[in-house]
Amino acid sequence: MSEKKKKFWLKVPNTYLLIFSLLVLIAALTWFIPGGKYERTILNGREVVVPNSFKFVDSNPQGIFDLFISPLKGFIEAALIIGFVLIVGGAFNVLAKTDAINSFINKLAKAYKTSNLLQKLFIPVLMLMFSLGGATFGMNEEIIPFVLIIVPICLALGYDSMVGVAIPLVGAHIGFASAFLNPFNVGIAQGIAEVPLFSGIGYRVICWGISTAVGIIFLMWYVKRLKKNPHISPTYKEDEERRKNEHFDLIYNNDNYFSIRHKAVLIIFALSLVLLVIGVIEFKWYIEEISALFFIMGILVGIIGGLKSDDLIKAFVDGAKDLVGTALIIALARATVVLSKDANIIDTILYGLSPYIESSSPIFASQKMFIVQSIINFFVHSGTGQAALTMPIMAPLSDLVGVSRQTAILAFQLGEYTNIIIPTSAVTMGALSMARVPWDKWAKWVLPLMIILFILGFILLIPPNLIGWQ
């Protein structure tokens, strides 16, 4: 593929433009799609669609003024979720500023030289850490600076750049896709689907464990082959050149030591996650309580981590500021629902989609949802944006096709496996760029893992339908 064609292939409209374009399309469609309504009833304290109750009603076409006012309405409707995202973003940026996570990884790398056990566990432990980060606090963009640390470490230890970028990239993306406590996809999707926040955690932990194990086994299998024949590396020549020209021993001799403060920060972080689980399961905490927990955690880790008051506040504000874009995506995505509801066409869309998702078995229906979400993820690869965009439709649609809302949320999550390979993901492309790994080489290298994960996604959606997972 020529450089020109490659650039054209990678040049995809950003998420804002895609969602706003969808808004324009929906506004136009409101003039052509007839209005329709399903009857709804309250079941187990949640509003659900009554199957076979659809009837056509008068539509309410949306004009240009409605189009431009819809993002504000979307912001108002999603205010609780948006506030939650901003607070969580602020808290985790404070955690990042304490340098505790960076220091822990650096200490791990130093210990590698003297420990045979660690040499065996180096890749599994690091991948497990990144996967846990993706599964709990939605680690995503945060992996990019780690690439600058881990790729040189891997080159110094005799691995290649593919291993160096795969550890954080594959680890975090697998954790994100199979998350059990991630507020940015599970939390938002469950909030929109009116499912108790972080409920169903047991099976999600199983999905996370299996998915992470698959990623680790794939990478260890590659490393075993790499040791026998280094020439199988797609970046063999480039890596040999880097080893000659760059000094990787510096990574073991910097001042980024793992202090008592760092240990205390990580303990507070771990305790916060434990408290989160207890609060959700035992005390039925929702977005407000969880936001307060993360707010308190951010303050505590900042103080214990030695940040001055001004630095702590700046870190929190900067973290929230970094997620303003995410907040706008949520508002724009919710605006699509506002337009559809105001025009009385959202139920008509559900009615039209039902035959395509519907199946003789709920298992096949949920697997079709997984395929649909994987395709949508190519265009809208923000977990929060995709949740806000698709769950208002997929949640009631799941009621119609006999799939539980928990299972529909899992299908949405697993669709994010594709973040590992899609060239429309800024995180994926950013990480590859930092590692100096061309996307075409990466795509060819990681394709077998993607096939395995896709098959795994189909398999993981079977048990929930057999046990009636709620």
Protein backbone atom coordinates (compact mmCIF):
# COMPACT_ATOMS: atom_id res chain seq x y z
CA MET A 1 0.00 0.00 0.00
CA SER A 2 1.46 3.36 -1.03
CA GLU A 3 2.08 6.07 1.57
CA LYS A 4 -0.59 8.23 -0.07
CA LYS A 5 -3.23 5.51 0.10
CA LYS A 6 -2.23 4.67 3.65
CA LYS A 7 -2.73 8.26 4.77
CA PHE A 8 -6.11 8.36 3.06
CA TRP A 9 -7.10 5.11 4.80
CA LEU A 10 -6.12 6.44 8.21
CA LYS A 11 -7.81 9.80 7.73
CA VAL A 12 -11.17 9.16 9.42
CA PRO A 13 -13.46 11.90 10.78
CA ASN A 14 -13.15 12.37 14.53
CA THR A 15 -15.82 11.29 16.99
CA TYR A 16 -17.38 14.76 17.34
CA LEU A 17 -17.88 15.13 13.60
CA LEU A 18 -19.23 11.60 13.30
CA ILE A 19 -21.80 12.07 16.07
CA PHE A 20 -22.82 15.53 14.87
CA SER A 21 -23.18 14.13 11.35
CA LEU A 22 -25.40 11.45 12.86
CA LEU A 23 -27.42 14.22 14.54
CA VAL A 24 -27.92 15.92 11.17
CA LEU A 25 -28.90 12.58 9.60
CA ILE A 26 -31.41 11.85 12.39
CA ALA A 27 -32.91 15.34 12.07
CA ALA A 28 -33.35 14.72 8.33
CA LEU A 29 -34.79 11.25 8.90
CA THR A 30 -37.43 12.61 11.28
CA TRP A 31 -39.11 14.03 8.15
CA PHE A 32 -39.33 10.57 6.55
CA ILE A 33 -39.61 8.00 9.36
CA PRO A 34 -43.15 7.63 10.68
CA GLY A 35 -43.81 8.10 14.40
CA GLY A 36 -44.37 5.05 16.55
CA LYS A 37 -44.78 4.00 20.16
CA TYR A 38 -44.38 0.87 22.25
CA GLU A 39 -46.31 0.49 25.47
CA ARG A 40 -44.06 0.42 28.51
CA THR A 41 -44.48 -1.10 31.93
CA ILE A 42 -42.57 -1.19 35.22
CA LEU A 43 -40.83 -4.50 35.90
CA ASN A 44 -38.60 -4.94 38.97
CA GLY A 45 -38.56 -1.16 39.40
CA ARG A 46 -37.41 -0.54 35.82
CA GLU A 47 -39.31 0.71 32.80
CA VAL A 48 -39.32 -1.92 30.03
CA VAL A 49 -40.84 -2.18 26.57
CA VAL A 50 -43.91 -4.41 26.20
CA PRO A 51 -43.31 -6.79 23.26
CA ASN A 52 -45.84 -6.79 20.37
CA SER A 53 -47.35 -3.48 21.55
CA PHE A 54 -46.01 -1.23 18.77
CA LYS A 55 -48.37 1.13 16.99
CA PHE A 56 -47.81 4.04 14.61
CA VAL A 57 -48.48 7.57 15.86
CA ASP A 58 -48.04 11.09 14.47
CA SER A 59 -44.40 12.07 14.00
CA ASN A 60 -42.89 15.42 14.97
CA PRO A 61 -40.21 16.34 12.36
CA GLN A 62 -37.22 18.23 13.79
CA GLY A 63 -36.03 21.47 12.17
CA ILE A 64 -32.65 23.23 12.11
CA PHE A 65 -33.34 25.05 15.40
CA ASP A 66 -34.23 21.72 17.07
CA LEU A 67 -30.99 20.26 15.71
CA PHE A 68 -28.79 22.93 17.30
CA ILE A 69 -30.66 23.00 20.61
CA SER A 70 -30.49 19.20 21.00
CA PRO A 71 -26.85 19.11 22.30
CA LEU A 72 -27.85 21.34 25.23
CA LYS A 73 -30.85 19.11 25.95
CA GLY A 74 -28.52 16.11 25.73
CA PHE A 75 -26.16 17.78 28.21
CA ILE A 76 -29.05 18.37 30.64
CA GLU A 77 -30.33 14.79 30.35
CA ALA A 78 -26.85 13.34 30.84
CA ALA A 79 -25.75 15.86 33.51
CA LEU A 80 -25.33 13.24 36.26
CA ILE A 81 -23.17 10.99 34.08
CA ILE A 82 -21.13 13.95 32.79
CA GLY A 83 -20.46 15.22 36.32
CA PHE A 84 -19.42 11.70 37.33
CA VAL A 85 -16.95 11.45 34.42
CA LEU A 86 -15.35 14.83 35.23
CA ILE A 87 -14.88 13.99 38.92
CA VAL A 88 -13.41 10.57 38.14
CA GLY A 89 -11.09 12.13 35.57
CA GLY A 90 -9.88 14.69 38.10
CA ALA A 91 -9.30 12.07 40.80
CA PHE A 92 -7.29 9.75 38.57
CA ASN A 93 -5.14 12.57 37.26
CA VAL A 94 -4.20 13.37 40.86
CA LEU A 95 -3.28 9.68 41.26
CA ALA A 96 -1.13 9.89 38.11
CA LYS A 97 0.64 13.04 39.38
CA THR A 98 1.83 11.22 42.52
CA ASP A 99 3.95 9.06 40.16
CA ALA A 100 3.15 5.96 42.25
CA ILE A 101 2.16 3.78 39.28
CA ASN A 102 5.18 4.84 37.20
CA SER A 103 7.50 4.12 40.11
CA PHE A 104 6.02 0.69 40.70
CA ILE A 105 6.55 -0.32 37.06
CA ASN A 106 10.10 1.04 37.13
CA LYS A 107 10.91 -0.94 40.28
CA LEU A 108 9.48 -4.05 38.62
CA ALA A 109 11.76 -3.54 35.62
CA LYS A 110 14.87 -3.09 37.81
CA ALA A 111 14.11 -6.25 39.81
CA TYR A 112 13.90 -8.23 36.57
CA LYS A 113 17.68 -8.38 36.21
CA THR A 114 18.23 -10.30 39.45
CA SER A 115 15.14 -12.50 39.70
CA ASN A 116 14.57 -15.66 37.64
CA LEU A 117 10.98 -15.79 38.86
CA LEU A 118 10.36 -12.23 37.76
CA GLN A 119 11.86 -12.98 34.36
CA LYS A 120 9.10 -15.57 33.94
CA LEU A 121 6.41 -13.32 35.41
CA PHE A 122 7.50 -9.99 33.91
CA ILE A 123 5.10 -10.01 30.94
CA PRO A 124 2.13 -11.68 32.74
CA VAL A 125 2.39 -9.33 35.76
CA LEU A 126 2.66 -6.16 33.66
CA MET A 127 -0.16 -7.20 31.32
CA LEU A 128 -2.28 -8.10 34.34
CA MET A 129 -1.65 -4.64 35.81
CA PHE A 130 -2.65 -2.84 32.62
CA SER A 131 -5.67 -5.08 32.17
CA LEU A 132 -6.72 -4.40 35.75
CA GLY A 133 -6.33 -0.68 35.07
CA GLY A 134 -8.62 -0.96 32.04
CA ALA A 135 -11.14 -3.05 33.96
CA THR A 136 -11.36 -0.79 37.01
CA PHE A 137 -10.66 2.86 36.22
CA GLY A 138 -10.90 2.75 32.44
CA MET A 139 -7.19 3.01 31.67
CA ASN A 140 -6.99 4.02 28.03
CA GLU A 141 -5.20 7.22 26.96
CA GLU A 142 -2.98 6.78 30.04
CA ILE A 143 -1.10 3.91 28.32
CA ILE A 144 0.63 6.21 25.83
CA PRO A 145 3.33 7.53 28.22
CA PHE A 146 3.90 3.96 29.46
CA VAL A 147 4.85 2.94 25.92
CA LEU A 148 7.86 5.26 26.19
CA ILE A 149 8.94 3.37 29.33
CA ILE A 150 8.10 -0.24 28.46
CA VAL A 151 9.36 -0.42 24.85
CA PRO A 152 12.94 0.51 25.87
CA ILE A 153 12.73 -1.92 28.80
CA CYS A 154 11.63 -4.74 26.48
CA LEU A 155 14.38 -3.93 23.97
CA ALA A 156 16.93 -3.94 26.80
CA LEU A 157 15.63 -7.32 28.00
CA GLY A 158 15.91 -8.92 24.55
CA TYR A 159 12.30 -8.65 23.43
CA ASP A 160 11.10 -6.50 20.52
CA SER A 161 8.99 -3.38 20.01
CA MET A 162 5.89 -5.48 19.32
CA VAL A 163 6.09 -6.94 22.85
CA GLY A 164 6.83 -3.50 24.31
CA VAL A 165 3.72 -1.91 22.80
CA ALA A 166 1.51 -5.00 23.24
CA ILE A 167 1.97 -5.14 27.02
CA PRO A 168 0.21 -1.81 27.72
CA LEU A 169 -1.94 -1.62 24.56
CA VAL A 170 -3.37 -5.15 24.46
CA GLY A 171 -3.45 -5.37 28.26
CA ALA A 172 -5.42 -2.17 28.83
CA HIS A 173 -7.76 -2.64 25.84
CA ILE A 174 -8.64 -6.21 26.86
CA GLY A 175 -9.27 -4.98 30.42
CA PHE A 176 -11.41 -2.11 29.11
CA ALA A 177 -13.49 -4.42 26.89
CA SER A 178 -14.08 -7.00 29.61
CA ALA A 179 -14.29 -4.48 32.47
CA PHE A 180 -16.15 -5.12 35.71
CA LEU A 181 -15.68 -1.76 37.53
CA ASN A 182 -14.93 0.64 34.68
CA PRO A 183 -17.08 3.75 35.23
CA PHE A 184 -16.56 4.90 31.63
CA ASN A 185 -18.22 1.96 29.87
CA VAL A 186 -19.87 -0.40 32.37
CA GLY A 187 -20.99 2.39 34.72
CA ILE A 188 -22.39 4.63 31.99
CA ALA A 189 -24.01 1.77 30.05
CA GLN A 190 -25.69 0.42 33.19
CA GLY A 191 -26.86 3.89 34.17
CA ILE A 192 -28.46 4.41 30.75
CA ALA A 193 -29.95 0.90 30.71
CA GLU A 194 -31.39 1.47 34.21
CA VAL A 195 -29.49 -1.50 35.60
CA PRO A 196 -28.04 -1.27 39.16
CA LEU A 197 -24.57 0.24 38.92
CA PHE A 198 -21.79 -2.38 38.69
CA SER A 199 -24.27 -5.22 39.17
CA GLY A 200 -23.42 -8.55 37.54
CA ILE A 201 -19.82 -8.11 38.67
CA GLY A 202 -19.28 -11.85 39.27
CA TYR A 203 -19.62 -12.95 35.67
CA ARG A 204 -17.80 -9.86 34.41
CA VAL A 205 -14.80 -10.79 36.57
CA ILE A 206 -14.85 -14.23 34.93
CA CYS A 207 -14.96 -12.63 31.46
CA TRP A 208 -12.08 -10.32 32.42
CA GLY A 209 -9.99 -13.21 33.79
CA ILE A 210 -10.47 -15.36 30.67
CA SER A 211 -9.88 -12.47 28.26
CA THR A 212 -6.73 -11.36 30.07
CA ALA A 213 -5.42 -14.92 30.19
CA VAL A 214 -5.95 -15.23 26.41
CA GLY A 215 -3.97 -12.01 25.82
CA ILE A 216 -1.12 -13.13 28.10
CA ILE A 217 -0.93 -16.62 26.54
CA PHE A 218 -0.84 -15.14 23.04
CA LEU A 219 2.03 -12.79 23.95
CA MET A 220 3.98 -15.50 25.83
CA TRP A 221 3.57 -17.82 22.83
CA TYR A 222 5.04 -15.11 20.60
CA VAL A 223 7.91 -14.45 23.04
CA LYS A 224 8.77 -18.16 23.09
CA ARG A 225 9.02 -18.17 19.28
CA LEU A 226 10.92 -14.86 19.34
CA LYS A 227 13.62 -16.31 21.62
CA LYS A 228 14.15 -19.21 19.23
CA ASN A 229 14.27 -16.99 16.17
CA PRO A 230 14.52 -13.18 16.66
CA HIS A 231 14.13 -12.71 12.89
CA ILE A 232 10.37 -13.48 13.11
CA SER A 233 9.89 -10.02 14.63
CA PRO A 234 8.20 -7.62 12.18
CA THR A 235 10.42 -4.86 13.63
CA TYR A 236 13.68 -6.87 13.81
CA LYS A 237 15.81 -4.48 11.69
CA GLU A 238 14.45 -1.34 13.33
CA ASP A 239 14.95 -2.77 16.84
CA GLU A 240 18.55 -3.81 16.11
CA GLU A 241 19.23 -0.27 14.91
CA ARG A 242 17.73 1.19 18.11
CA ARG A 243 19.80 -1.11 20.30
CA LYS A 244 22.96 0.16 18.61
CA ASN A 245 22.07 3.84 18.78
CA GLU A 246 20.23 4.17 22.10
CA HIS A 247 21.30 3.43 25.69
CA PHE A 248 18.65 1.45 27.51
CA ASP A 249 20.57 1.09 30.76
CA LEU A 250 19.44 4.62 31.74
CA ILE A 251 16.01 3.27 32.60
CA TYR A 252 17.49 1.38 35.53
CA ASN A 253 19.40 4.37 36.87
CA ASN A 254 16.89 7.18 37.24
CA ASP A 255 15.52 8.80 40.39
CA ASN A 256 12.00 7.45 39.98
CA TYR A 257 12.27 5.20 43.06
CA PHE A 258 9.35 3.40 44.75
CA SER A 259 9.00 5.30 48.04
CA ILE A 260 6.85 4.75 51.13
CA ARG A 261 4.60 7.54 49.83
CA HIS A 262 4.12 5.64 46.57
CA LYS A 263 3.22 2.46 48.44
CA ALA A 264 0.74 4.35 50.63
CA VAL A 265 -0.88 5.94 47.54
CA LEU A 266 -1.37 2.54 45.89
CA ILE A 267 -2.81 1.12 49.12
CA ILE A 268 -5.37 3.97 49.28
CA PHE A 269 -6.22 3.35 45.63
CA ALA A 270 -6.70 -0.39 46.23
CA LEU A 271 -8.81 0.25 49.35
CA SER A 272 -10.98 2.68 47.37
CA LEU A 273 -11.72 -0.03 44.79
CA VAL A 274 -12.59 -2.50 47.59
CA LEU A 275 -14.88 0.10 49.18
CA LEU A 276 -16.47 0.71 45.80
CA VAL A 277 -17.36 -2.98 45.45
CA ILE A 278 -18.75 -3.14 49.00
CA GLY A 279 -20.73 0.09 48.54
CA VAL A 280 -22.30 -1.02 45.27
CA ILE A 281 -23.15 -4.55 46.44
CA GLU A 282 -24.11 -3.95 50.07
CA PHE A 283 -25.38 -0.37 50.12
CA LYS A 284 -26.69 -0.01 46.54
CA TRP A 285 -24.47 2.99 45.82
CA TYR A 286 -25.18 4.85 42.61
CA ILE A 287 -23.38 7.57 40.64
CA GLU A 288 -23.61 10.21 43.40
CA GLU A 289 -22.02 8.03 46.09
CA ILE A 290 -19.35 6.63 43.76
CA SER A 291 -18.46 10.15 42.61
CA ALA A 292 -18.01 11.16 46.25
CA LEU A 293 -15.77 8.12 46.83
CA PHE A 294 -13.49 9.02 43.93
CA PHE A 295 -13.46 12.66 45.02
CA ILE A 296 -12.27 11.64 48.49
CA MET A 297 -9.75 9.20 46.99
CA GLY A 298 -8.31 11.98 44.80
CA ILE A 299 -7.83 14.25 47.80
CA LEU A 300 -6.28 11.51 49.96
CA VAL A 301 -3.81 10.23 47.36
CA GLY A 302 -2.82 13.81 46.57
CA ILE A 303 -2.09 14.61 50.22
CA ILE A 304 -0.35 11.28 50.92
CA GLY A 305 1.53 11.53 47.62
CA GLY A 306 3.09 14.81 48.78
CA LEU A 307 1.35 17.16 46.36
CA LYS A 308 1.05 20.75 47.51
CA SER A 309 -2.49 22.12 47.73
CA ASP A 310 -2.08 24.19 44.56
CA ASP A 311 -0.59 21.23 42.65
CA LEU A 312 -3.35 18.91 43.88
CA ILE A 313 -6.09 21.30 42.77
CA LYS A 314 -4.37 21.93 39.44
CA ALA A 315 -4.00 18.18 38.84
CA PHE A 316 -7.68 17.63 39.60
CA VAL A 317 -8.80 20.49 37.36
CA ASP A 318 -6.49 19.35 34.55
CA GLY A 319 -7.81 15.80 34.81
CA ALA A 320 -11.40 17.01 34.62
CA LYS A 321 -10.43 19.39 31.80
CA ASP A 322 -8.97 16.48 29.81
CA LEU A 323 -12.39 14.82 29.90
CA VAL A 324 -14.40 17.84 28.79
CA GLY A 325 -14.19 16.35 25.30
CA THR A 326 -15.66 13.12 26.65
CA ALA A 327 -18.45 15.12 28.32
CA LEU A 328 -19.26 16.77 25.00
CA ILE A 329 -19.33 13.37 23.29
CA ILE A 330 -21.80 12.10 25.90
CA ALA A 331 -23.96 15.21 25.44
CA LEU A 332 -23.89 14.91 21.63
CA ALA A 333 -24.63 11.20 21.79
CA ARG A 334 -27.54 11.78 24.18
CA ALA A 335 -28.75 14.51 21.79
CA THR A 336 -29.33 11.83 19.16
CA VAL A 337 -31.79 10.20 21.56
CA VAL A 338 -33.39 13.58 22.37
CA LEU A 339 -34.03 14.25 18.68
CA SER A 340 -35.38 10.74 18.11
CA LYS A 341 -37.66 10.90 21.15
CA ASP A 342 -38.94 14.39 20.37
CA ALA A 343 -39.78 13.24 16.85
CA ASN A 344 -41.48 10.04 18.13
CA ILE A 345 -39.26 7.85 15.91
CA ILE A 346 -37.06 6.03 18.44
CA ASP A 347 -39.62 3.27 18.94
CA THR A 348 -40.04 3.01 15.17
CA ILE A 349 -36.27 2.44 14.90
CA LEU A 350 -36.50 -0.27 17.57
CA TYR A 351 -39.36 -1.85 15.69
CA GLY A 352 -37.30 -1.79 12.47
CA LEU A 353 -34.15 -3.22 14.09
CA SER A 354 -35.91 -6.05 15.90
CA PRO A 355 -36.05 -8.47 12.92
CA TYR A 356 -32.28 -8.11 12.37
CA ILE A 357 -31.34 -8.73 16.00
CA GLU A 358 -34.18 -11.12 16.74
CA SER A 359 -33.37 -14.81 16.59
CA SER A 360 -34.78 -18.19 17.45
CA SER A 361 -32.43 -18.10 20.44
CA PRO A 362 -31.47 -15.21 22.76
CA ILE A 363 -27.88 -16.49 22.42
CA PHE A 364 -27.79 -15.70 18.70
CA ALA A 365 -29.56 -12.38 19.32
CA SER A 366 -26.88 -11.29 21.82
CA GLN A 367 -24.14 -12.44 19.43
CA LYS A 368 -25.68 -10.28 16.70
CA MET A 369 -25.59 -7.36 19.14
CA PHE A 370 -21.88 -8.08 19.66
CA ILE A 371 -21.28 -7.91 15.88
CA VAL A 372 -23.25 -4.65 15.57
CA GLN A 373 -21.35 -3.06 18.48
CA SER A 374 -18.00 -4.17 16.99
CA ILE A 375 -18.88 -2.44 13.72
CA ILE A 376 -20.08 0.73 15.49
CA ASN A 377 -16.84 0.75 17.51
CA PHE A 378 -14.86 1.31 14.31
CA PHE A 379 -16.54 4.70 13.95
CA VAL A 380 -17.27 5.61 17.59
CA HIS A 381 -14.46 4.08 19.65
CA SER A 382 -15.01 6.17 22.76
CA GLY A 383 -16.43 3.80 25.40
CA THR A 384 -18.51 6.56 26.94
CA GLY A 385 -19.64 7.91 23.58
CA GLN A 386 -20.63 4.51 22.28
CA ALA A 387 -22.49 3.67 25.49
CA ALA A 388 -24.39 6.96 25.34
CA LEU A 389 -25.12 6.47 21.64
CA THR A 390 -26.13 2.82 21.47
CA MET A 391 -27.48 1.76 24.88
CA PRO A 392 -30.67 3.89 24.69
CA ILE A 393 -31.57 1.73 21.67
CA MET A 394 -29.93 -1.59 22.61
CA ALA A 395 -31.36 -1.69 26.16
CA PRO A 396 -35.06 -1.62 25.18
CA LEU A 397 -34.26 -3.68 22.07
CA SER A 398 -32.87 -6.40 24.33
CA ASP A 399 -36.26 -6.50 26.11
CA LEU A 400 -37.93 -7.15 22.76
CA VAL A 401 -35.62 -9.97 21.64
CA GLY A 402 -35.48 -11.82 24.98
CA VAL A 403 -31.93 -10.81 25.95
CA SER A 404 -31.31 -9.46 29.44
CA ARG A 405 -30.04 -5.89 29.70
CA GLN A 406 -26.92 -7.12 31.51
CA THR A 407 -26.14 -9.34 28.51
CA ALA A 408 -26.78 -6.46 26.08
CA ILE A 409 -24.28 -4.36 28.08
CA LEU A 410 -21.73 -7.20 27.93
CA ALA A 411 -22.21 -7.40 24.13
CA PHE A 412 -21.53 -3.66 23.95
CA GLN A 413 -18.38 -4.04 26.09
CA LEU A 414 -16.92 -6.95 24.15
CA GLY A 415 -17.35 -5.00 20.92
CA GLU A 416 -14.48 -2.86 22.21
CA TYR A 417 -12.00 -5.72 21.71
CA THR A 418 -11.53 -4.15 18.26
CA ASN A 419 -9.83 -1.09 19.81
CA ILE A 420 -6.66 -3.20 19.75
CA ILE A 421 -6.48 -3.03 15.95
CA ILE A 422 -8.72 -0.31 14.50
CA PRO A 423 -6.85 2.59 12.87
CA THR A 424 -9.57 5.04 13.89
CA SER A 425 -8.54 4.79 17.55
CA ALA A 426 -6.38 7.75 18.56
CA VAL A 427 -5.00 5.76 21.52
CA THR A 428 -3.98 2.79 19.38
CA MET A 429 -2.39 4.95 16.70
CA GLY A 430 -0.72 7.16 19.34
CA ALA A 431 0.77 4.17 21.16
CA LEU A 432 2.04 2.62 17.91
CA SER A 433 3.55 5.94 16.91
CA MET A 434 5.34 6.23 20.26
CA ALA A 435 6.69 2.69 19.82
CA ARG A 436 7.69 3.41 16.18
CA VAL A 437 5.61 0.43 15.02
CA PRO A 438 3.82 0.91 11.66
CA TRP A 439 0.09 0.17 11.82
CA ASP A 440 0.17 -2.31 8.91
CA LYS A 441 2.83 -4.42 10.67
CA TRP A 442 0.88 -4.23 13.92
CA ALA A 443 -2.42 -5.21 12.27
CA LYS A 444 -0.85 -8.26 10.61
CA TRP A 445 0.89 -9.29 13.85
CA VAL A 446 -2.17 -8.89 16.12
CA LEU A 447 -4.80 -10.29 13.69
CA PRO A 448 -4.60 -13.89 15.05
CA LEU A 449 -5.32 -12.55 18.55
CA MET A 450 -8.27 -10.55 17.22
CA ILE A 451 -9.76 -13.68 15.65
CA ILE A 452 -9.35 -15.55 18.93
CA LEU A 453 -10.95 -12.69 20.91
CA PHE A 454 -13.87 -12.49 18.49
CA ILE A 455 -14.55 -16.22 18.91
CA LEU A 456 -14.17 -15.76 22.68
CA GLY A 457 -16.76 -12.96 22.58
CA PHE A 458 -19.30 -15.31 20.98
CA ILE A 459 -18.56 -17.96 23.63
CA LEU A 460 -18.76 -15.56 26.61
CA LEU A 461 -22.25 -14.47 25.52
CA ILE A 462 -23.61 -18.03 25.79
CA PRO A 463 -23.66 -18.61 29.61
CA PRO A 464 -25.58 -15.38 30.47
CA ASN A 465 -28.45 -16.48 28.25
CA LEU A 466 -28.47 -19.98 29.72
CA ILE A 467 -28.57 -18.80 33.34
CA GLY A 468 -30.88 -15.82 32.81
CA TRP A 469 -28.21 -13.34 33.94
CA GLN A 470 -29.82 -10.19 35.36
